[in-house]
Amino acid sequence: MSSQLKSILTLALVGIAIAAAAVAWWVLRPNGLQESMVSGNGRIEATDIDIATKIPGRIAEVLAREGDFVQAGSVLARMDTQTLQAQKAEALAQVRHAESALQTAKSVVTQRESEHNAALAVVAQHRAELNAAEKRLKRSQRLVGEGAIPEQEVDDNNARVLGIQAMISAAQAQVAAAQAGIEAAKSQIVQAQAQIEAIKATVVRLQADIDDSELKAPRDVRVQYRIAEPGEVLPAGGRVMNTVDLSDVYMTFFLPTAAAGKVALGSDIRLVLDALPNYVIPAKASFVASVAQFTPKTVETESERLKLMFRVRARIDPALLKQHLDQVKTGLPGKA
């Protein structure tokens, strides 16, 4: 009986000690946060990215559904490109036509150069004939003075010299005309080359528009809303869907002047969501506003200055987000 009594007394003393400790903790427990800590309410947010059209057109198909996780470069929607494809085919045909015109211009240059060389040869031939005719004229003039030949032969030789001189002038004119034809043909080559470059630039632009008709995810995102459906005609910049970048998730909250002034960029912040009160999410201060968000009409007194509130952003580590992508949701309220 004595050993049982001792055991009971021991248990009673332990119970009394536990009860006393509990009462002491309850009485002495901290009421709220410590003086060195501050808190603010906010909601989980993320960077929204609108998937929109670059040029007006009709939606051919939408490949992503709301809630889908898509990787960077994935095709989310396609626009109807029949008109662009037809314009590209027309531009390619114009390129071939311009290239044919370029070859024609080059052949014309070759032809004009041949004509120029032929005209130069005629001039050289006539100059040789003129040289011979002038020598014959000089001999005939000497012989007619000696009475060896009649006067008529001198006149004939002189007329021949004048005729050859006229033929040289005509041949030189043909040389000049052939040279002008060469320059004109070369200018046609330049025009054809410029036309080819302009049409090829049009082809590149049309191909860029065709490529941009495939609306792709710029980064790893989750589809939040489908705004348009296949068959709808959208203007330039028309939104097809809204996505959210889950690698850039943060909570925005507000702190009074005294607290905001002590928060440095990179400061440790802990987030507790209403939906998960037993989990603490680590974050870092990525932004502190330099201008108060809520400003009273006047800030002449110290008490009024204390009412100023500054916006602070707590950004969650992207590596941590990547481990829990399925659980990341925007709009959840909580406390920082």
Protein backbone atom coordinates (compact mmCIF):
# COMPACT_ATOMS: atom_id res chain seq x y z
CA MET A 1 0.00 0.00 0.00
CA SER A 2 2.83 2.41 0.76
CA SER A 3 4.41 1.95 -2.73
CA GLN A 4 1.07 2.55 -4.45
CA LEU A 5 0.58 5.67 -2.37
CA LYS A 6 3.99 6.95 -3.36
CA SER A 7 3.21 6.39 -7.04
CA ILE A 8 -0.07 8.24 -6.74
CA LEU A 9 1.60 11.14 -4.94
CA THR A 10 4.32 11.28 -7.62
CA LEU A 11 1.74 11.39 -10.41
CA ALA A 12 -0.19 14.06 -8.57
CA LEU A 13 2.90 16.22 -8.17
CA VAL A 14 3.78 15.83 -11.87
CA GLY A 15 0.23 16.82 -12.83
CA ILE A 16 0.37 19.84 -10.55
CA ALA A 17 3.72 20.90 -12.10
CA ILE A 18 2.35 20.56 -15.61
CA ALA A 19 -0.75 22.52 -14.72
CA ALA A 20 1.34 25.23 -13.09
CA ALA A 21 3.58 25.45 -16.18
CA ALA A 22 0.53 25.70 -18.43
CA VAL A 23 -0.95 28.46 -16.29
CA ALA A 24 2.34 30.30 -16.25
CA TRP A 25 2.66 30.05 -20.06
CA TRP A 26 -0.89 31.27 -20.48
CA VAL A 27 -0.32 34.24 -18.24
CA LEU A 28 3.12 35.11 -19.56
CA ARG A 29 2.56 34.21 -23.24
CA PRO A 30 3.44 37.01 -25.74
CA ASN A 31 0.42 39.01 -26.84
CA GLY A 32 0.86 39.34 -30.66
CA LEU A 33 4.15 39.89 -32.45
CA GLN A 34 7.32 41.03 -30.82
CA GLU A 35 8.24 44.68 -31.05
CA SER A 36 10.96 43.89 -33.61
CA MET A 37 8.43 42.32 -36.01
CA VAL A 38 5.62 43.84 -38.06
CA SER A 39 2.90 42.30 -40.20
CA GLY A 40 0.53 43.22 -42.98
CA ASN A 41 -2.31 41.58 -44.85
CA GLY A 42 -2.19 40.84 -48.57
CA ARG A 43 -2.98 38.39 -51.35
CA ILE A 44 -0.83 36.08 -53.42
CA GLU A 45 -0.23 37.57 -56.86
CA ALA A 46 1.76 36.63 -59.95
CA THR A 47 2.83 38.24 -63.21
CA ASP A 48 0.03 38.07 -65.76
CA ILE A 49 0.94 37.59 -69.43
CA ASP A 50 -1.69 38.15 -72.11
CA ILE A 51 -1.37 36.01 -75.24
CA ALA A 52 -2.53 38.36 -78.00
CA THR A 53 -2.51 38.60 -81.78
CA LYS A 54 0.08 40.70 -83.60
CA ILE A 55 -2.04 41.24 -86.71
CA PRO A 56 -5.82 41.11 -87.20
CA GLY A 57 -7.32 37.82 -88.30
CA ARG A 58 -9.50 34.83 -87.55
CA ILE A 59 -8.61 32.25 -84.89
CA ALA A 60 -8.11 28.84 -86.49
CA GLU A 61 -7.64 26.81 -83.30
CA VAL A 62 -6.95 27.19 -79.59
CA LEU A 63 -4.78 24.38 -78.23
CA ALA A 64 -4.57 25.17 -74.51
CA ARG A 65 -7.30 24.90 -71.89
CA GLU A 66 -7.76 26.80 -68.67
CA GLY A 67 -5.53 25.40 -65.96
CA ASP A 68 -2.99 23.84 -68.35
CA PHE A 69 0.70 24.17 -67.54
CA VAL A 70 2.63 24.98 -70.74
CA GLN A 71 6.34 25.31 -71.34
CA ALA A 72 8.07 28.20 -73.06
CA GLY A 73 7.72 27.95 -76.85
CA SER A 74 4.60 25.78 -76.76
CA VAL A 75 1.97 26.72 -79.35
CA LEU A 76 -1.16 27.92 -77.55
CA ALA A 77 -3.26 29.02 -80.54
CA ARG A 78 -3.07 29.42 -84.31
CA MET A 79 -4.50 32.13 -86.54
CA ASP A 80 -5.87 31.57 -90.05
CA THR A 81 -2.98 32.28 -92.48
CA GLN A 82 -4.62 31.59 -95.87
CA THR A 83 -4.46 35.25 -96.90
CA LEU A 84 -0.86 35.58 -95.76
CA GLN A 85 0.12 32.38 -97.59
CA ALA A 86 -1.48 33.71 -100.80
CA GLN A 87 0.32 37.03 -100.43
CA LYS A 88 3.59 35.20 -99.89
CA ALA A 89 3.04 33.07 -103.02
CA GLU A 90 2.31 36.24 -105.00
CA ALA A 91 5.47 37.89 -103.68
CA LEU A 92 7.55 34.82 -104.60
CA ALA A 93 6.14 34.96 -108.13
CA GLN A 94 7.12 38.63 -108.29
CA VAL A 95 10.62 37.68 -107.18
CA ARG A 96 10.91 35.20 -110.06
CA HIS A 97 9.58 37.82 -112.50
CA ALA A 98 12.08 40.39 -111.22
CA GLU A 99 14.93 37.87 -111.48
CA SER A 100 13.91 37.20 -115.10
CA ALA A 101 13.92 40.96 -115.75
CA LEU A 102 17.39 41.11 -114.21
CA GLN A 103 18.69 38.43 -116.58
CA THR A 104 17.10 40.28 -119.51
CA ALA A 105 18.77 43.52 -118.43
CA LYS A 106 22.13 41.75 -118.18
CA SER A 107 21.74 40.33 -121.70
CA VAL A 108 20.81 43.80 -122.98
CA VAL A 109 24.02 45.15 -121.42
CA THR A 110 25.99 42.43 -123.21
CA GLN A 111 24.26 43.27 -126.49
CA ARG A 112 24.88 47.01 -126.08
CA GLU A 113 28.54 46.35 -125.26
CA SER A 114 28.84 44.28 -128.45
CA GLU A 115 27.27 47.09 -130.45
CA HIS A 116 29.67 49.54 -128.78
CA ASN A 117 32.67 47.40 -129.70
CA ALA A 118 31.39 47.03 -133.26
CA ALA A 119 30.97 50.81 -133.56
CA LEU A 120 34.51 51.30 -132.28
CA ALA A 121 35.76 48.86 -134.89
CA VAL A 122 33.93 50.77 -137.63
CA VAL A 123 35.50 54.01 -136.43
CA ALA A 124 38.94 52.41 -136.48
CA GLN A 125 38.29 51.06 -140.00
CA HIS A 126 37.15 54.43 -141.28
CA ARG A 127 40.17 56.12 -139.71
CA ALA A 128 42.45 53.71 -141.58
CA GLU A 129 40.55 54.43 -144.80
CA LEU A 130 40.79 58.18 -144.11
CA ASN A 131 44.54 57.90 -143.63
CA ALA A 132 44.91 56.10 -146.97
CA ALA A 133 42.59 58.57 -148.71
CA GLU A 134 44.51 61.57 -147.40
CA LYS A 135 47.80 60.10 -148.65
CA ARG A 136 46.25 59.42 -152.06
CA LEU A 137 44.94 62.98 -152.16
CA LYS A 138 48.38 64.38 -151.40
CA ARG A 139 50.00 62.29 -154.16
CA SER A 140 47.34 63.29 -156.65
CA GLN A 141 47.81 66.95 -155.81
CA ARG A 142 51.56 66.63 -156.42
CA LEU A 143 51.08 64.71 -159.65
CA VAL A 144 48.46 67.11 -161.01
CA GLY A 145 51.00 69.94 -160.57
CA GLU A 146 53.41 67.97 -162.72
CA GLY A 147 50.67 67.39 -165.29
CA ALA A 148 50.83 63.61 -164.79
CA ILE A 149 47.14 63.15 -163.92
CA PRO A 150 44.00 65.13 -164.69
CA GLU A 151 42.43 67.63 -162.24
CA GLN A 152 39.36 65.43 -161.94
CA GLU A 153 41.26 62.75 -160.07
CA VAL A 154 42.27 65.28 -157.41
CA ASP A 155 38.64 66.27 -157.00
CA ASP A 156 37.62 62.62 -156.69
CA ASN A 157 40.26 61.93 -154.04
CA ASN A 158 39.21 65.02 -152.08
CA ALA A 159 35.55 63.96 -152.18
CA ARG A 160 36.58 60.50 -150.96
CA VAL A 161 38.41 62.06 -147.98
CA LEU A 162 35.37 64.15 -147.09
CA GLY A 163 33.09 61.11 -147.39
CA ILE A 164 35.25 59.02 -145.08
CA GLN A 165 35.33 61.86 -142.54
CA ALA A 166 31.54 61.94 -142.60
CA MET A 167 31.42 58.16 -142.09
CA ILE A 168 33.77 58.51 -139.10
CA SER A 169 31.46 61.10 -137.54
CA ALA A 170 28.50 58.79 -138.06
CA ALA A 171 30.40 55.85 -136.56
CA GLN A 172 31.40 57.95 -133.55
CA ALA A 173 27.76 58.86 -133.08
CA GLN A 174 26.94 55.14 -133.08
CA VAL A 175 29.67 54.62 -130.45
CA ALA A 176 28.09 57.30 -128.26
CA ALA A 177 24.63 55.80 -128.77
CA ALA A 178 25.92 52.33 -127.87
CA GLN A 179 27.58 53.73 -124.74
CA ALA A 180 24.31 55.40 -123.71
CA GLY A 181 22.53 52.10 -124.34
CA ILE A 182 25.02 50.36 -122.03
CA GLU A 183 24.39 52.89 -119.24
CA ALA A 184 20.62 52.57 -119.66
CA ALA A 185 20.83 48.78 -119.55
CA LYS A 186 23.01 48.93 -116.43
CA SER A 187 20.45 51.20 -114.74
CA GLN A 188 17.81 48.59 -115.57
CA ILE A 189 20.00 46.02 -113.80
CA VAL A 190 20.17 48.23 -110.72
CA GLN A 191 16.40 48.72 -110.79
CA ALA A 192 15.79 44.99 -111.17
CA GLN A 193 18.15 44.20 -108.28
CA ALA A 194 16.44 46.81 -106.08
CA GLN A 195 13.05 45.38 -106.99
CA ILE A 196 14.22 41.87 -106.11
CA GLU A 197 15.51 43.04 -102.72
CA ALA A 198 12.26 44.90 -102.00
CA ILE A 199 10.09 41.91 -102.91
CA LYS A 200 12.31 39.53 -100.91
CA ALA A 201 11.92 41.87 -97.93
CA THR A 202 8.16 41.61 -98.42
CA VAL A 203 8.48 37.81 -98.42
CA VAL A 204 10.46 37.95 -95.16
CA ARG A 205 7.83 40.25 -93.60
CA LEU A 206 5.00 37.96 -94.68
CA GLN A 207 6.86 34.93 -93.33
CA ALA A 208 7.34 36.75 -90.02
CA ASP A 209 3.59 37.45 -89.90
CA ILE A 210 2.92 33.78 -90.67
CA ASP A 211 5.29 32.71 -87.88
CA ASP A 212 3.67 35.18 -85.48
CA SER A 213 0.29 33.66 -86.33
CA GLU A 214 1.34 30.77 -84.11
CA LEU A 215 0.79 32.20 -80.64
CA LYS A 216 3.43 30.69 -78.36
CA ALA A 217 4.08 30.80 -74.63
CA PRO A 218 6.92 33.27 -73.91
CA ARG A 219 7.88 31.34 -70.76
CA ASP A 220 6.64 28.53 -68.51
CA VAL A 221 3.11 29.61 -67.60
CA ARG A 222 -0.28 28.35 -66.53
CA VAL A 223 -3.34 29.23 -68.61
CA GLN A 224 -5.71 31.22 -66.45
CA TYR A 225 -8.50 32.28 -68.85
CA ARG A 226 -9.48 31.52 -72.45
CA ILE A 227 -10.78 34.82 -73.73
CA ALA A 228 -11.44 33.93 -77.40
CA GLU A 229 -12.50 30.78 -79.23
CA PRO A 230 -11.86 29.36 -82.74
CA GLY A 231 -13.70 31.22 -85.47
CA GLU A 232 -13.62 34.60 -83.77
CA VAL A 233 -12.11 37.52 -85.68
CA LEU A 234 -9.75 39.62 -83.58
CA PRO A 235 -8.09 42.98 -84.25
CA ALA A 236 -4.36 43.56 -83.87
CA GLY A 237 -3.53 43.07 -80.21
CA GLY A 238 -6.71 41.08 -79.57
CA ARG A 239 -6.36 38.85 -76.50
CA VAL A 240 -6.78 35.11 -76.95
CA MET A 241 -5.95 33.96 -73.42
CA ASN A 242 -4.52 35.13 -70.14
CA THR A 243 -1.65 33.24 -68.51
CA VAL A 244 0.20 33.58 -65.24
CA ASP A 245 3.94 33.22 -64.74
CA LEU A 246 4.32 30.91 -61.73
CA SER A 247 8.04 31.65 -61.46
CA ASP A 248 7.24 35.21 -60.30
CA VAL A 249 4.81 34.90 -57.38
CA TYR A 250 4.62 37.47 -54.61
CA MET A 251 2.41 39.04 -51.95
CA THR A 252 1.81 42.78 -51.80
CA PHE A 253 1.02 44.31 -48.41
CA PHE A 254 1.26 47.71 -46.72
CA LEU A 255 3.28 48.89 -43.74
CA PRO A 256 3.22 52.17 -41.81
CA THR A 257 5.98 54.70 -42.16
CA ALA A 258 8.10 53.61 -39.21
CA ALA A 259 8.07 49.94 -40.21
CA ALA A 260 8.48 50.50 -43.95
CA GLY A 261 11.53 52.68 -43.35
CA LYS A 262 13.32 49.76 -41.70
CA VAL A 263 12.58 47.17 -44.41
CA ALA A 264 15.53 46.71 -46.73
CA LEU A 265 15.46 44.98 -50.08
CA GLY A 266 16.21 41.31 -49.49
CA SER A 267 14.86 41.30 -45.96
CA ASP A 268 13.42 37.98 -44.81
CA ILE A 269 9.64 37.78 -44.84
CA ARG A 270 7.41 34.89 -43.85
CA LEU A 271 4.00 34.37 -45.45
CA VAL A 272 1.11 32.55 -43.79
CA LEU A 273 -1.94 31.91 -45.98
CA ASP A 274 -5.44 31.68 -44.60
CA ALA A 275 -5.93 28.42 -46.52
CA LEU A 276 -2.76 26.88 -45.02
CA PRO A 277 -2.34 28.40 -41.55
CA ASN A 278 0.04 25.64 -40.43
CA TYR A 279 2.58 26.30 -43.20
CA VAL A 280 5.08 29.14 -43.30
CA ILE A 281 6.32 30.22 -46.75
CA PRO A 282 9.72 31.96 -46.88
CA ALA A 283 10.02 35.07 -49.05
CA LYS A 284 12.25 38.08 -49.60
CA ALA A 285 11.43 41.78 -49.83
CA SER A 286 11.78 42.58 -53.54
CA PHE A 287 10.17 46.04 -53.58
CA VAL A 288 9.52 48.86 -51.11
CA ALA A 289 7.60 51.87 -52.39
CA SER A 290 9.39 55.21 -52.25
CA VAL A 291 6.09 57.10 -52.20
CA ALA A 292 3.26 56.61 -49.70
CA GLN A 293 0.17 54.89 -51.10
CA PHE A 294 -2.39 56.31 -48.64
CA THR A 295 -1.79 59.99 -48.06
CA PRO A 296 -3.98 62.14 -45.76
CA LYS A 297 -4.99 65.58 -46.96
CA THR A 298 -2.31 67.17 -44.79
CA VAL A 299 0.78 65.76 -43.11
CA GLU A 300 1.66 68.68 -40.91
CA THR A 301 1.62 66.78 -37.62
CA GLU A 302 3.58 63.72 -36.54
CA SER A 303 0.38 61.77 -35.91
CA GLU A 304 -0.74 62.37 -39.48
CA ARG A 305 2.62 61.25 -40.83
CA LEU A 306 2.21 57.97 -38.99
CA LYS A 307 -0.88 57.28 -41.10
CA LEU A 308 1.19 57.08 -44.29
CA MET A 309 1.32 53.53 -45.68
CA PHE A 310 3.99 52.17 -48.01
CA ARG A 311 3.60 49.24 -50.38
CA VAL A 312 5.96 46.30 -49.88
CA ARG A 313 6.32 43.24 -52.09
CA ALA A 314 7.48 39.86 -50.76
CA ARG A 315 8.69 37.59 -53.57
CA ILE A 316 8.74 33.81 -53.16
CA ASP A 317 11.84 31.91 -54.27
CA PRO A 318 11.28 30.56 -57.84
CA ALA A 319 13.06 27.31 -56.94
CA LEU A 320 10.56 26.72 -54.13
CA LEU A 321 7.68 27.54 -56.45
CA LYS A 322 8.93 25.06 -59.02
CA GLN A 323 8.72 22.28 -56.44
CA HIS A 324 5.05 23.01 -55.74
CA LEU A 325 3.65 24.24 -59.05
CA ASP A 326 0.44 22.25 -58.66
CA GLN A 327 -0.32 24.06 -55.40
CA VAL A 328 0.48 27.61 -56.51
CA LYS A 329 -2.70 29.69 -56.76
CA THR A 330 -3.11 33.43 -57.06
CA GLY A 331 -5.63 35.47 -55.12
CA LEU A 332 -5.22 33.59 -51.83
CA PRO A 333 -5.34 35.96 -48.84
CA GLY A 334 -2.82 35.78 -46.05
CA LYS A 335 -0.45 37.66 -43.80
CA ALA A 336 3.17 38.71 -44.24
